[in-house]
PDB file of N, CA and C in Angstrom:
ATOM      1  N   MET A   1      15.949  16.207  34.479  1.00  0.00           N
ATOM      2  CA  MET A   1      16.866  16.121  35.663  1.00  0.00           C
ATOM      3  C   MET A   1      16.801  17.422  36.312  1.00  0.00           C
ATOM      4  N   LYS A   2      16.516  18.487  35.657  1.00  0.00           N
ATOM      5  CA  LYS A   2      16.386  19.840  36.488  1.00  0.00           C
ATOM      6  C   LYS A   2      15.131  19.683  37.332  1.00  0.00           C
ATOM      7  N   GLU A   3      13.946  19.125  36.952  1.00  0.00           N
ATOM      8  CA  GLU A   3      12.917  19.147  37.967  1.00  0.00           C
ATOM      9  C   GLU A   3      13.046  18.245  38.978  1.00  0.00           C
ATOM     10  N   MET A   4      13.564  17.069  38.772  1.00  0.00           N
ATOM     11  CA  MET A   4      13.847  15.936  39.658  1.00  0.00           C
ATOM     12  C   MET A   4      15.049  16.231  40.629  1.00  0.00           C
ATOM     13  N   ARG A   5      15.776  17.337  40.455  1.00  0.00           N
ATOM     14  CA  ARG A   5      16.914  17.617  41.210  1.00  0.00           C
ATOM     15  C   ARG A   5      16.574  17.850  42.701  1.00  0.00           C
ATOM     16  N   LEU A   6      15.369  18.506  42.948  1.00  0.00           N
ATOM     17  CA  LEU A   6      14.901  18.795  44.194  1.00  0.00           C
ATOM     18  C   LEU A   6      14.596  17.502  45.062  1.00  0.00           C
ATOM     19  N   HIS A   7      14.085  16.433  44.227  1.00  0.00           N
ATOM     20  CA  HIS A   7      13.667  15.256  44.860  1.00  0.00           C
ATOM     21  C   HIS A   7      14.566  14.148  45.201  1.00  0.00           C
ATOM     22  N   TYR A   8      15.547  14.033  44.258  1.00  0.00           N
ATOM     23  CA  TYR A   8      16.510  13.036  44.330  1.00  0.00           C
ATOM     24  C   TYR A   8      17.954  13.656  44.380  1.00  0.00           C
ATOM     25  N   PRO A   9      18.863  12.916  45.138  1.00  0.00           N
ATOM     26  CA  PRO A   9      20.380  13.381  44.897  1.00  0.00           C
ATOM     27  C   PRO A   9      20.934  13.247  43.460  1.00  0.00           C
ATOM     28  N   LEU A  10      21.662  14.232  43.341  1.00  0.00           N
ATOM     29  CA  LEU A  10      22.150  14.418  41.815  1.00  0.00           C
ATOM     30  C   LEU A  10      23.196  13.184  41.533  1.00  0.00           C
ATOM     31  N   PRO A  11      23.997  12.883  42.523  1.00  0.00           N
ATOM     32  CA  PRO A  11      24.947  11.667  42.059  1.00  0.00           C
ATOM     33  C   PRO A  11      24.051  10.353  41.762  1.00  0.00           C
ATOM     34  N   LEU A  12      23.007  10.203  42.409  1.00  0.00           N
ATOM     35  CA  LEU A  12      22.159   9.002  42.173  1.00  0.00           C
ATOM     36  C   LEU A  12      21.603   9.090  40.735  1.00  0.00           C
ATOM     37  N   MET A  13      20.923  10.218  40.388  1.00  0.00           N
ATOM     38  CA  MET A  13      20.480  10.390  39.045  1.00  0.00           C
ATOM     39  C   MET A  13      21.561  10.330  37.882  1.00  0.00           C
ATOM     40  N   ARG A  14      22.663  10.911  38.133  1.00  0.00           N
ATOM     41  CA  ARG A  14      23.576  10.770  36.984  1.00  0.00           C
ATOM     42  C   ARG A  14      24.076   9.411  36.834  1.00  0.00           C
ATOM     43  N   ARG A  15      24.128   8.562  38.113  1.00  0.00           N
ATOM     44  CA  ARG A  15      24.507   7.211  37.860  1.00  0.00           C
ATOM     45  C   ARG A  15      23.389   6.401  37.102  1.00  0.00           C
ATOM     46  N   ILE A  16      22.077   6.649  37.430  1.00  0.00           N
ATOM     47  CA  ILE A  16      21.031   5.955  36.754  1.00  0.00           C
ATOM     48  C   ILE A  16      20.870   6.166  35.427  1.00  0.00           C
ATOM     49  N   MET A  17      21.285   7.547  34.924  1.00  0.00           N
ATOM     50  CA  MET A  17      21.096   7.898  33.549  1.00  0.00           C
ATOM     51  C   MET A  17      22.483   7.839  32.938  1.00  0.00           C
ATOM     52  N   ASN A  18      23.411   7.559  33.499  1.00  0.00           N
ATOM     53  CA  ASN A  18      24.698   7.126  32.831  1.00  0.00           C
ATOM     54  C   ASN A  18      25.405   8.564  32.305  1.00  0.00           C
ATOM     55  N   VAL A  19      25.247   9.514  33.095  1.00  0.00           N
ATOM     56  CA  VAL A  19      25.692  10.860  32.633  1.00  0.00           C
ATOM     57  C   VAL A  19      26.927  11.260  33.677  1.00  0.00           C
ATOM     58  N   SER A  20      28.059  11.813  33.102  1.00  0.00           N
ATOM     59  CA  SER A  20      29.164  12.279  33.798  1.00  0.00           C
ATOM     60  C   SER A  20      28.910  13.475  34.613  1.00  0.00           C
ATOM     61  N   ALA A  21      29.622  13.892  35.425  1.00  0.00           N
ATOM     62  CA  ALA A  21      29.458  15.274  36.444  1.00  0.00           C
ATOM     63  C   ALA A  21      29.743  16.332  35.376  1.00  0.00           C
ATOM     64  N   SER A  22      30.773  16.189  34.494  1.00  0.00           N
ATOM     65  CA  SER A  22      31.123  17.527  33.607  1.00  0.00           C
ATOM     66  C   SER A  22      29.992  17.490  32.460  1.00  0.00           C
ATOM     67  N   GLY A  23      29.639  16.486  32.041  1.00  0.00           N
ATOM     68  CA  GLY A  23      28.577  16.559  30.989  1.00  0.00           C
ATOM     69  C   GLY A  23      27.305  17.089  31.463  1.00  0.00           C
ATOM     70  N   TYR A  24      26.947  16.505  32.813  1.00  0.00           N
ATOM     71  CA  TYR A  24      25.801  17.228  33.476  1.00  0.00           C
ATOM     72  C   TYR A  24      25.922  18.756  33.583  1.00  0.00           C
ATOM     73  N   TYR A  25      27.064  19.186  34.224  1.00  0.00           N
ATOM     74  CA  TYR A  25      27.253  20.851  34.365  1.00  0.00           C
ATOM     75  C   TYR A  25      27.373  21.475  32.985  1.00  0.00           C
ATOM     76  N   ALA A  26      27.945  20.874  32.180  1.00  0.00           N
ATOM     77  CA  ALA A  26      28.024  21.448  30.664  1.00  0.00           C
ATOM     78  C   ALA A  26      26.633  21.741  30.158  1.00  0.00           C
ATOM     79  N   TRP A  27      25.722  20.721  30.504  1.00  0.00           N
ATOM     80  CA  TRP A  27      24.263  20.963  29.917  1.00  0.00           C
ATOM     81  C   TRP A  27      23.677  21.813  30.710  1.00  0.00           C
ATOM     82  N   ILE A  28      23.812  21.984  31.944  1.00  0.00           N
ATOM     83  CA  ILE A  28      23.192  22.912  32.802  1.00  0.00           C
ATOM     84  C   ILE A  28      23.435  24.473  32.235  1.00  0.00           C
ATOM     85  N   ASP A  29      24.912  24.636  32.013  1.00  0.00           N
ATOM     86  CA  ASP A  29      25.451  25.933  31.573  1.00  0.00           C
ATOM     87  C   ASP A  29      25.203  26.250  30.203  1.00  0.00           C
ATOM     88  N   ARG A  30      24.779  25.179  29.414  1.00  0.00           N
ATOM     89  CA  ARG A  30      24.626  25.427  27.936  1.00  0.00           C
ATOM     90  C   ARG A  30      23.617  26.235  27.698  1.00  0.00           C
ATOM     91  N   PRO A  31      23.648  27.380  26.787  1.00  0.00           N
ATOM     92  CA  PRO A  31      22.384  28.192  26.476  1.00  0.00           C
ATOM     93  C   PRO A  31      21.624  27.597  25.689  1.00  0.00           C
ATOM     94  N   PRO A  32      20.191  28.095  25.611  1.00  0.00           N
ATOM     95  CA  PRO A  32      19.221  27.384  24.826  1.00  0.00           C
ATOM     96  C   PRO A  32      19.506  27.268  23.262  1.00  0.00           C
ATOM     97  N   SER A  33      19.349  26.269  22.594  1.00  0.00           N
ATOM     98  CA  SER A  33      19.517  26.181  21.427  1.00  0.00           C
ATOM     99  C   SER A  33      18.781  27.000  20.566  1.00  0.00           C
ATOM    100  N   LYS A  34      19.121  27.418  19.165  1.00  0.00           N
ATOM    101  CA  LYS A  34      18.510  28.095  18.334  1.00  0.00           C
ATOM    102  C   LYS A  34      17.083  27.536  18.047  1.00  0.00           C
ATOM    103  N   TRP A  35      17.103  26.083  17.827  1.00  0.00           N
ATOM    104  CA  TRP A  35      15.929  25.346  17.574  1.00  0.00           C
ATOM    105  C   TRP A  35      14.847  25.340  18.748  1.00  0.00           C
ATOM    106  N   SER A  36      15.254  25.419  20.015  1.00  0.00           N
ATOM    107  CA  SER A  36      14.353  25.536  21.112  1.00  0.00           C
ATOM    108  C   SER A  36      13.918  26.968  21.268  1.00  0.00           C
ATOM    109  N   LEU A  37      14.680  27.892  20.973  1.00  0.00           N
ATOM    110  CA  LEU A  37      14.212  29.256  21.073  1.00  0.00           C
ATOM    111  C   LEU A  37      13.128  29.543  19.925  1.00  0.00           C
ATOM    112  N   GLN A  38      13.155  29.154  18.727  1.00  0.00           N
ATOM    113  CA  GLN A  38      12.318  29.018  17.612  1.00  0.00           C
ATOM    114  C   GLN A  38      11.108  28.224  18.018  1.00  0.00           C
ATOM    115  N   GLU A  39      11.223  27.109  18.753  1.00  0.00           N
ATOM    116  CA  GLU A  39      10.107  26.370  19.021  1.00  0.00           C
ATOM    117  C   GLU A  39       9.267  27.121  20.050  1.00  0.00           C
ATOM    118  N   ALA A  40       9.872  27.781  20.970  1.00  0.00           N
ATOM    119  CA  ALA A  40       9.124  28.487  22.211  1.00  0.00           C
ATOM    120  C   ALA A  40       8.440  29.687  21.419  1.00  0.00           C
ATOM    121  N   ARG A  41       9.002  30.398  20.567  1.00  0.00           N
ATOM    122  CA  ARG A  41       8.328  31.446  19.854  1.00  0.00           C
ATOM    123  C   ARG A  41       7.165  31.018  19.075  1.00  0.00           C
ATOM    124  N   LEU A  42       7.310  29.985  18.466  1.00  0.00           N
ATOM    125  CA  LEU A  42       6.311  29.361  17.588  1.00  0.00           C
ATOM    126  C   LEU A  42       5.074  28.957  18.472  1.00  0.00           C
ATOM    127  N   GLU A  43       5.355  28.357  19.621  1.00  0.00           N
ATOM    128  CA  GLU A  43       4.403  28.061  20.525  1.00  0.00           C
ATOM    129  C   GLU A  43       3.525  29.250  21.004  1.00  0.00           C
ATOM    130  N   LEU A  44       4.171  30.364  21.287  1.00  0.00           N
ATOM    131  CA  LEU A  44       3.473  31.591  21.751  1.00  0.00           C
ATOM    132  C   LEU A  44       2.722  32.037  20.571  1.00  0.00           C
ATOM    133  N   GLU A  45       3.074  32.026  19.279  1.00  0.00           N
ATOM    134  CA  GLU A  45       2.469  32.563  18.090  1.00  0.00           C
ATOM    135  C   GLU A  45       1.272  31.635  17.847  1.00  0.00           C
ATOM    136  N   ILE A  46       1.413  30.407  17.961  1.00  0.00           N
ATOM    137  CA  ILE A  46       0.278  29.540  17.623  1.00  0.00           C
ATOM    138  C   ILE A  46      -0.843  29.529  18.718  1.00  0.00           C
ATOM    139  N   LYS A  47      -0.415  29.713  20.012  1.00  0.00           N
ATOM    140  CA  LYS A  47      -1.480  30.061  21.012  1.00  0.00           C
ATOM    141  C   LYS A  47      -2.187  31.218  20.886  1.00  0.00           C
ATOM    142  N   ALA A  48      -1.391  32.302  20.491  1.00  0.00           N
ATOM    143  CA  ALA A  48      -2.239  33.629  20.161  1.00  0.00           C
ATOM    144  C   ALA A  48      -3.058  33.596  18.930  1.00  0.00           C
ATOM    145  N   MET A  49      -2.549  32.921  17.971  1.00  0.00           N
ATOM    146  CA  MET A  49      -3.292  32.710  16.815  1.00  0.00           C
ATOM    147  C   MET A  49      -4.572  31.871  16.904  1.00  0.00           C
ATOM    148  N   ASP A  50      -4.614  30.934  17.638  1.00  0.00           N
ATOM    149  CA  ASP A  50      -5.636  29.939  17.914  1.00  0.00           C
ATOM    150  C   ASP A  50      -6.723  30.706  18.954  1.00  0.00           C
ATOM    151  N   LYS A  51      -6.187  31.458  19.610  1.00  0.00           N
ATOM    152  CA  LYS A  51      -7.167  32.297  20.518  1.00  0.00           C
ATOM    153  C   LYS A  51      -7.824  33.514  19.707  1.00  0.00           C
ATOM    154  N   ARG A  52      -7.183  34.112  18.727  1.00  0.00           N
ATOM    155  CA  ARG A  52      -7.575  35.038  17.946  1.00  0.00           C
ATOM    156  C   ARG A  52      -8.633  34.547  16.978  1.00  0.00           C
ATOM    157  N   THR A  53      -8.479  33.251  16.467  1.00  0.00           N
ATOM    158  CA  THR A  53      -9.222  32.504  15.430  1.00  0.00           C
ATOM    159  C   THR A  53     -10.392  31.721  16.313  1.00  0.00           C
ATOM    160  N   ARG A  54     -10.500  31.914  17.618  1.00  0.00           N
ATOM    161  CA  ARG A  54     -11.359  31.165  18.420  1.00  0.00           C
ATOM    162  C   ARG A  54     -11.339  29.531  18.154  1.00  0.00           C
ATOM    163  N   TYR A  55     -10.050  29.179  18.015  1.00  0.00           N
ATOM    164  CA  TYR A  55      -9.747  27.641  17.740  1.00  0.00           C
ATOM    165  C   TYR A  55     -10.545  27.039  16.689  1.00  0.00           C
ATOM    166  N   THR A  56     -10.661  27.714  15.645  1.00  0.00           N
ATOM    167  CA  THR A  56     -11.365  27.125  14.394  1.00  0.00           C
ATOM    168  C   THR A  56     -10.363  26.739  13.502  1.00  0.00           C
ATOM    169  N   TYR A  57      -9.099  27.186  13.341  1.00  0.00           N
ATOM    170  CA  TYR A  57      -8.047  26.971  12.403  1.00  0.00           C
ATOM    171  C   TYR A  57      -7.437  25.591  12.648  1.00  0.00           C
ATOM    172  N   GLY A  58      -7.112  24.859  11.620  1.00  0.00           N
ATOM    173  CA  GLY A  58      -6.302  23.774  11.703  1.00  0.00           C
ATOM    174  C   GLY A  58      -5.093  23.923  11.393  1.00  0.00           C
ATOM    175  N   ALA A  59      -4.132  22.925  11.327  1.00  0.00           N
ATOM    176  CA  ALA A  59      -2.736  23.042  11.080  1.00  0.00           C
ATOM    177  C   ALA A  59      -2.371  23.742   9.611  1.00  0.00           C
ATOM    178  N   GLU A  60      -3.297  23.280   8.579  1.00  0.00           N
ATOM    179  CA  GLU A  60      -2.976  23.864   7.269  1.00  0.00           C
ATOM    180  C   GLU A  60      -3.364  25.331   7.290  1.00  0.00           C
ATOM    181  N   ARG A  61      -4.463  25.783   7.841  1.00  0.00           N
ATOM    182  CA  ARG A  61      -4.810  27.241   7.916  1.00  0.00           C
ATOM    183  C   ARG A  61      -3.731  27.979   8.604  1.00  0.00           C
ATOM    184  N   LEU A  62      -3.348  27.379   9.766  1.00  0.00           N
ATOM    185  CA  LEU A  62      -2.459  28.175  10.719  1.00  0.00           C
ATOM    186  C   LEU A  62      -1.091  28.408   9.891  1.00  0.00           C
ATOM    187  N   GLN A  63      -0.777  27.369   9.109  1.00  0.00           N
ATOM    188  CA  GLN A  63       0.515  27.481   8.341  1.00  0.00           C
ATOM    189  C   GLN A  63       0.365  28.450   7.323  1.00  0.00           C
ATOM    190  N   ARG A  64      -0.630  28.669   6.502  1.00  0.00           N
ATOM    191  CA  ARG A  64      -0.830  29.575   5.583  1.00  0.00           C
ATOM    192  C   ARG A  64      -0.722  30.989   6.139  1.00  0.00           C
ATOM    193  N   GLU A  65      -1.325  31.178   7.438  1.00  0.00           N
ATOM    194  CA  GLU A  65      -1.500  32.500   8.124  1.00  0.00           C
ATOM    195  C   GLU A  65       0.002  32.951   8.611  1.00  0.00           C
ATOM    196  N   LEU A  66       0.695  31.849   9.178  1.00  0.00           N
ATOM    197  CA  LEU A  66       2.181  32.048   9.532  1.00  0.00           C
ATOM    198  C   LEU A  66       2.920  32.425   8.450  1.00  0.00           C
ATOM    199  N   VAL A  67       2.780  31.802   7.136  1.00  0.00           N
ATOM    200  CA  VAL A  67       3.531  32.085   5.916  1.00  0.00           C
ATOM    201  C   VAL A  67       3.392  33.700   5.468  1.00  0.00           C
ATOM    202  N   LYS A  68       1.836  34.030   5.813  1.00  0.00           N
ATOM    203  CA  LYS A  68       1.625  35.384   5.336  1.00  0.00           C
ATOM    204  C   LYS A  68       2.541  36.484   6.376  1.00  0.00           C
ATOM    205  N   GLN A  69       2.633  35.946   7.565  1.00  0.00           N
ATOM    206  CA  GLN A  69       3.265  36.830   8.465  1.00  0.00           C
ATOM    207  C   GLN A  69       4.719  36.744   8.221  1.00  0.00           C
ATOM    208  N   GLY A  70       5.362  35.748   7.400  1.00  0.00           N
ATOM    209  CA  GLY A  70       6.909  35.747   7.303  1.00  0.00           C
ATOM    210  C   GLY A  70       7.348  34.686   8.101  1.00  0.00           C
ATOM    211  N   VAL A  71       6.685  33.786   8.626  1.00  0.00           N
ATOM    212  CA  VAL A  71       7.309  32.672   9.527  1.00  0.00           C
ATOM    213  C   VAL A  71       7.217  31.362   8.600  1.00  0.00           C
ATOM    214  N   GLN A  72       8.293  30.842   8.207  1.00  0.00           N
ATOM    215  CA  GLN A  72       8.578  29.740   7.325  1.00  0.00           C
ATOM    216  C   GLN A  72       8.265  28.351   8.455  1.00  0.00           C
ATOM    217  N   VAL A  73       7.233  27.726   8.558  1.00  0.00           N
ATOM    218  CA  VAL A  73       7.194  26.736   9.313  1.00  0.00           C
ATOM    219  C   VAL A  73       6.364  25.549   8.609  1.00  0.00           C
ATOM    220  N   GLY A  74       6.482  24.119   8.878  1.00  0.00           N
ATOM    221  CA  GLY A  74       5.845  23.174   8.153  1.00  0.00           C
ATOM    222  C   GLY A  74       4.658  22.818   8.977  1.00  0.00           C
ATOM    223  N   ILE A  75       3.568  21.919   8.278  1.00  0.00           N
ATOM    224  CA  ILE A  75       2.432  21.669   8.828  1.00  0.00           C
ATOM    225  C   ILE A  75       2.679  20.530   9.976  1.00  0.00           C
ATOM    226  N   CYS A  76       3.544  19.785   9.793  1.00  0.00           N
ATOM    227  CA  CYS A  76       3.697  18.606  10.620  1.00  0.00           C
ATOM    228  C   CYS A  76       4.356  19.416  12.135  1.00  0.00           C
ATOM    229  N   ARG A  77       5.190  20.226  11.888  1.00  0.00           N
ATOM    230  CA  ARG A  77       5.682  21.089  13.183  1.00  0.00           C
ATOM    231  C   ARG A  77       4.560  21.753  13.905  1.00  0.00           C
ATOM    232  N   ILE A  78       3.531  22.166  13.106  1.00  0.00           N
ATOM    233  CA  ILE A  78       2.447  22.799  13.777  1.00  0.00           C
ATOM    234  C   ILE A  78       1.692  21.798  14.499  1.00  0.00           C
ATOM    235  N   LYS A  79       1.541  20.759  13.789  1.00  0.00           N
ATOM    236  CA  LYS A  79       0.562  19.685  14.344  1.00  0.00           C
ATOM    237  C   LYS A  79       1.238  19.092  15.706  1.00  0.00           C
ATOM    238  N   ARG A  80       2.497  19.010  15.795  1.00  0.00           N
ATOM    239  CA  ARG A  80       3.233  18.521  16.756  1.00  0.00           C
ATOM    240  C   ARG A  80       3.128  19.538  17.936  1.00  0.00           C
ATOM    241  N   ILE A  81       3.430  20.852  17.581  1.00  0.00           N
ATOM    242  CA  ILE A  81       3.179  21.809  18.729  1.00  0.00           C
ATOM    243  C   ILE A  81       1.576  21.781  19.316  1.00  0.00           C
ATOM    244  N   LYS A  82       0.665  21.891  18.416  1.00  0.00           N
ATOM    245  CA  LYS A  82      -0.747  21.844  18.833  1.00  0.00           C
ATOM    246  C   LYS A  82      -1.002  20.721  19.736  1.00  0.00           C
ATOM    247  N   LYS A  83      -0.483  19.549  19.478  1.00  0.00           N
ATOM    248  CA  LYS A  83      -0.533  18.391  20.132  1.00  0.00           C
ATOM    249  C   LYS A  83       0.090  18.440  21.441  1.00  0.00           C
ATOM    250  N   LYS A  84       1.170  19.026  21.528  1.00  0.00           N
ATOM    251  CA  LYS A  84       2.122  19.265  22.720  1.00  0.00           C
ATOM    252  C   LYS A  84       1.304  20.210  23.721  1.00  0.00           C
ATOM    253  N   LEU A  85       0.774  21.293  23.172  1.00  0.00           N
ATOM    254  CA  LEU A  85       0.095  22.275  23.885  1.00  0.00           C
ATOM    255  C   LEU A  85      -1.374  21.896  24.326  1.00  0.00           C
ATOM    256  N   GLY A  86      -1.923  20.672  23.733  1.00  0.00           N
ATOM    257  CA  GLY A  86      -3.260  20.253  23.986  1.00  0.00           C
ATOM    258  C   GLY A  86      -4.343  21.322  23.256  1.00  0.00           C
ATOM    259  N   ILE A  87      -3.869  21.709  22.126  1.00  0.00           N
ATOM    260  CA  ILE A  87      -4.817  22.584  21.345  1.00  0.00           C
ATOM    261  C   ILE A  87      -5.377  21.923  20.415  1.00  0.00           C
ATOM    262  N   ARG A  88      -6.793  21.909  20.280  1.00  0.00           N
ATOM    263  CA  ARG A  88      -7.758  21.265  19.250  1.00  0.00           C
ATOM    264  C   ARG A  88      -8.638  22.215  18.608  1.00  0.00           C
ATOM    265  N   CYS A  89      -8.913  21.892  17.436  1.00  0.00           N
ATOM    266  CA  CYS A  89     -10.026  22.721  16.667  1.00  0.00           C
ATOM    267  C   CYS A  89     -11.389  22.354  17.298  1.00  0.00           C
ATOM    268  N   LYS A  90     -12.242  23.437  17.289  1.00  0.00           N
ATOM    269  CA  LYS A  90     -13.651  23.102  17.497  1.00  0.00           C
ATOM    270  C   LYS A  90     -14.204  22.453  16.215  1.00  0.00           C
ATOM    271  N   GLN A  91     -14.884  21.437  16.533  1.00  0.00           N
ATOM    272  CA  GLN A  91     -15.577  20.651  15.316  1.00  0.00           C
ATOM    273  C   GLN A  91     -16.846  21.211  15.158  1.00  0.00           C
ATOM    274  N   LYS A  92     -17.139  21.384  13.831  1.00  0.00           N
ATOM    275  CA  LYS A  92     -18.554  21.915  13.563  1.00  0.00           C
ATOM    276  C   LYS A  92     -19.568  20.769  13.688  1.00  0.00           C
ATOM    277  N   ARG A  93     -20.610  21.200  14.619  1.00  0.00           N
ATOM    278  CA  ARG A  93     -21.614  20.123  14.803  1.00  0.00           C
ATOM    279  C   ARG A  93     -22.415  19.710  13.626  1.00  0.00           C
ATOM    280  N   LYS A  94     -22.873  18.741  13.307  1.00  0.00           N
ATOM    281  CA  LYS A  94     -23.684  18.254  12.440  1.00  0.00           C
ATOM    282  C   LYS A  94     -25.252  18.725  12.773  1.00  0.00           C
ATOM    283  N   PHE A  95     -25.923  19.222  11.620  1.00  0.00           N
ATOM    284  CA  PHE A  95     -27.252  19.778  11.869  1.00  0.00           C
ATOM    285  C   PHE A  95     -28.210  18.677  12.308  1.00  0.00           C
ATOM    286  N   LYS A  96     -29.015  18.823  13.300  1.00  0.00           N
ATOM    287  CA  LYS A  96     -29.967  17.766  13.871  1.00  0.00           C
ATOM    288  C   LYS A  96     -31.258  18.474  13.766  1.00  0.00           C
ATOM    289  N   ALA A  97     -32.275  17.851  13.013  1.00  0.00           N
ATOM    290  CA  ALA A  97     -33.613  18.228  12.967  1.00  0.00           C
ATOM    291  C   ALA A  97     -34.252  17.867  14.344  1.00  0.00           C
ATOM    292  N   THR A  98     -34.893  18.805  14.921  1.00  0.00           N
ATOM    293  CA  THR A  98     -35.558  18.416  16.174  1.00  0.00           C
ATOM    294  C   THR A  98     -36.981  18.503  16.188  1.00  0.00           C
ATOM    295  N   THR A  99     -37.486  18.811  15.023  1.00  0.00           N
ATOM    296  CA  THR A  99     -38.948  18.818  14.891  1.00  0.00           C
ATOM    297  C   THR A  99     -39.302  17.601  14.381  1.00  0.00           C
ATOM    298  N   ASP A 100     -40.358  16.862  15.001  1.00  0.00           N
ATOM    299  CA  ASP A 100     -40.882  15.507  14.290  1.00  0.00           C
ATOM    300  C   ASP A 100     -42.429  15.934  13.852  1.00  0.00           C
ATOM    301  N   SER A 101     -42.459  16.085  12.652  1.00  0.00           N
ATOM    302  CA  SER A 101     -43.644  16.468  11.956  1.00  0.00           C
ATOM    303  C   SER A 101     -44.455  15.404  11.593  1.00  0.00           C
ATOM    304  N   THR A 102     -43.986  14.149  11.760  1.00  0.00           N
ATOM    305  CA  THR A 102     -44.749  12.831  11.202  1.00  0.00           C
ATOM    306  C   THR A 102     -45.322  12.126  12.470  1.00  0.00           C
ATOM    307  N   HIS A 103     -45.726  12.939  13.642  1.00  0.00           N
ATOM    308  CA  HIS A 103     -46.226  12.194  14.804  1.00  0.00           C
ATOM    309  C   HIS A 103     -47.675  11.908  14.638  1.00  0.00           C
ATOM    310  N   SER A 104     -48.161  11.186  15.586  1.00  0.00           N
ATOM    311  CA  SER A 104     -49.509  10.743  15.633  1.00  0.00           C
ATOM    312  C   SER A 104     -50.358  11.616  16.777  1.00  0.00           C
ATOM    313  N   LEU A 105     -49.808  12.629  17.244  1.00  0.00           N
ATOM    314  CA  LEU A 105     -50.472  13.245  18.204  1.00  0.00           C
ATOM    315  C   LEU A 105     -51.481  14.141  17.661  1.00  0.00           C
ATOM    316  N   PRO A 106     -52.512  14.493  18.511  1.00  0.00           N
ATOM    317  CA  PRO A 106     -53.680  15.511  17.981  1.00  0.00           C
ATOM    318  C   PRO A 106     -53.026  16.906  17.766  1.00  0.00           C
ATOM    319  N   ILE A 107     -53.471  17.655  16.698  1.00  0.00           N
ATOM    320  CA  ILE A 107     -53.256  18.926  16.360  1.00  0.00           C
ATOM    321  C   ILE A 107     -54.286  19.880  17.038  1.00  0.00           C
ATOM    322  N   VAL A 108     -53.710  20.901  17.791  1.00  0.00           N
ATOM    323  CA  VAL A 108     -54.481  21.774  18.387  1.00  0.00           C
ATOM    324  C   VAL A 108     -55.093  22.672  17.459  1.00  0.00           C
ATOM    325  N   LYS A 109     -56.649  22.989  17.868  1.00  0.00           N
ATOM    326  CA  LYS A 109     -57.522  24.014  16.906  1.00  0.00           C
ATOM    327  C   LYS A 109     -56.770  25.246  16.900  1.00  0.00           C
ATOM    328  N   ASN A 110     -57.103  26.083  15.816  1.00  0.00           N
ATOM    329  CA  ASN A 110     -56.606  27.351  15.563  1.00  0.00           C
ATOM    330  C   ASN A 110     -57.553  28.270  16.211  1.00  0.00           C
ATOM    331  N   ILE A 111     -57.455  28.456  17.625  1.00  0.00           N
ATOM    332  CA  ILE A 111     -58.167  29.280  18.300  1.00  0.00           C
ATOM    333  C   ILE A 111     -58.167  30.807  18.124  1.00  0.00           C
ATOM    334  N   LEU A 112     -57.010  31.229  17.570  1.00  0.00           N
ATOM    335  CA  LEU A 112     -56.723  32.519  17.364  1.00  0.00           C
ATOM    336  C   LEU A 112     -57.170  32.984  15.935  1.00  0.00           C
ATOM    337  N   GLY A 113     -57.584  32.064  15.126  1.00  0.00           N
ATOM    338  CA  GLY A 113     -58.052  32.471  13.857  1.00  0.00           C
ATOM    339  C   GLY A 113     -57.027  33.019  12.941  1.00  0.00           C
ATOM    340  N   GLN A 114     -55.785  32.593  13.042  1.00  0.00           N
ATOM    341  CA  GLN A 114     -54.722  32.978  12.229  1.00  0.00           C
ATOM    342  C   GLN A 114     -54.872  32.364  10.747  1.00  0.00           C
ATOM    343  N   LYS A 115     -54.607  32.968   9.691  1.00  0.00           N
ATOM    344  CA  LYS A 115     -54.801  32.407   8.351  1.00  0.00           C
ATOM    345  C   LYS A 115     -53.290  32.145   7.717  1.00  0.00           C
ATOM    346  N   PHE A 116     -52.657  31.039   7.556  1.00  0.00           N
ATOM    347  CA  PHE A 116     -51.608  30.885   7.071  1.00  0.00           C
ATOM    348  C   PHE A 116     -51.652  30.522   5.494  1.00  0.00           C
ATOM    349  N   THR A 117     -51.186  31.654   4.791  1.00  0.00           N
ATOM    350  CA  THR A 117     -51.165  31.305   3.294  1.00  0.00           C
ATOM    351  C   THR A 117     -49.808  31.302   2.754  1.00  0.00           C
ATOM    352  N   VAL A 118     -49.419  30.604   1.687  1.00  0.00           N
ATOM    353  CA  VAL A 118     -48.160  30.633   1.206  1.00  0.00           C
ATOM    354  C   VAL A 118     -48.093  31.522  -0.003  1.00  0.00           C
ATOM    355  N   THR A 119     -47.221  32.532   0.086  1.00  0.00           N
ATOM    356  CA  THR A 119     -46.990  33.480  -1.023  1.00  0.00           C
ATOM    357  C   THR A 119     -45.724  33.151  -1.891  1.00  0.00           C
ATOM    358  N   ALA A 120     -46.008  32.543  -2.959  1.00  0.00           N
ATOM    359  CA  ALA A 120     -44.880  32.237  -3.705  1.00  0.00           C
ATOM    360  C   ALA A 120     -45.156  32.169  -5.423  1.00  0.00           C
TER     361      ALA A 120
END
């Protein structure tokens, strides 16, 4: 309602959402809850840690690191916050061989006269 207040009249929004005037103003004047403050702090910590680890840590590793720092938080909460922030881990790419040594193309002569011997 706070964001839409500039676009729509307040009485109309209150009537549509079935909210009383006193309830709306009590909500506006209410200080942020302990949980929402903790959530905002966790968001900042997760963003900073993800940047520091170059987006390679998943929720489990992030949780272990946060516990080491003294922050008790569950894995599901970290997953939810990462999803909300749009943070994803970088996936390790599968190795793909790009050399095809079983081709039928002609092999170039050794014009430099290099001698390749295996030492093993």
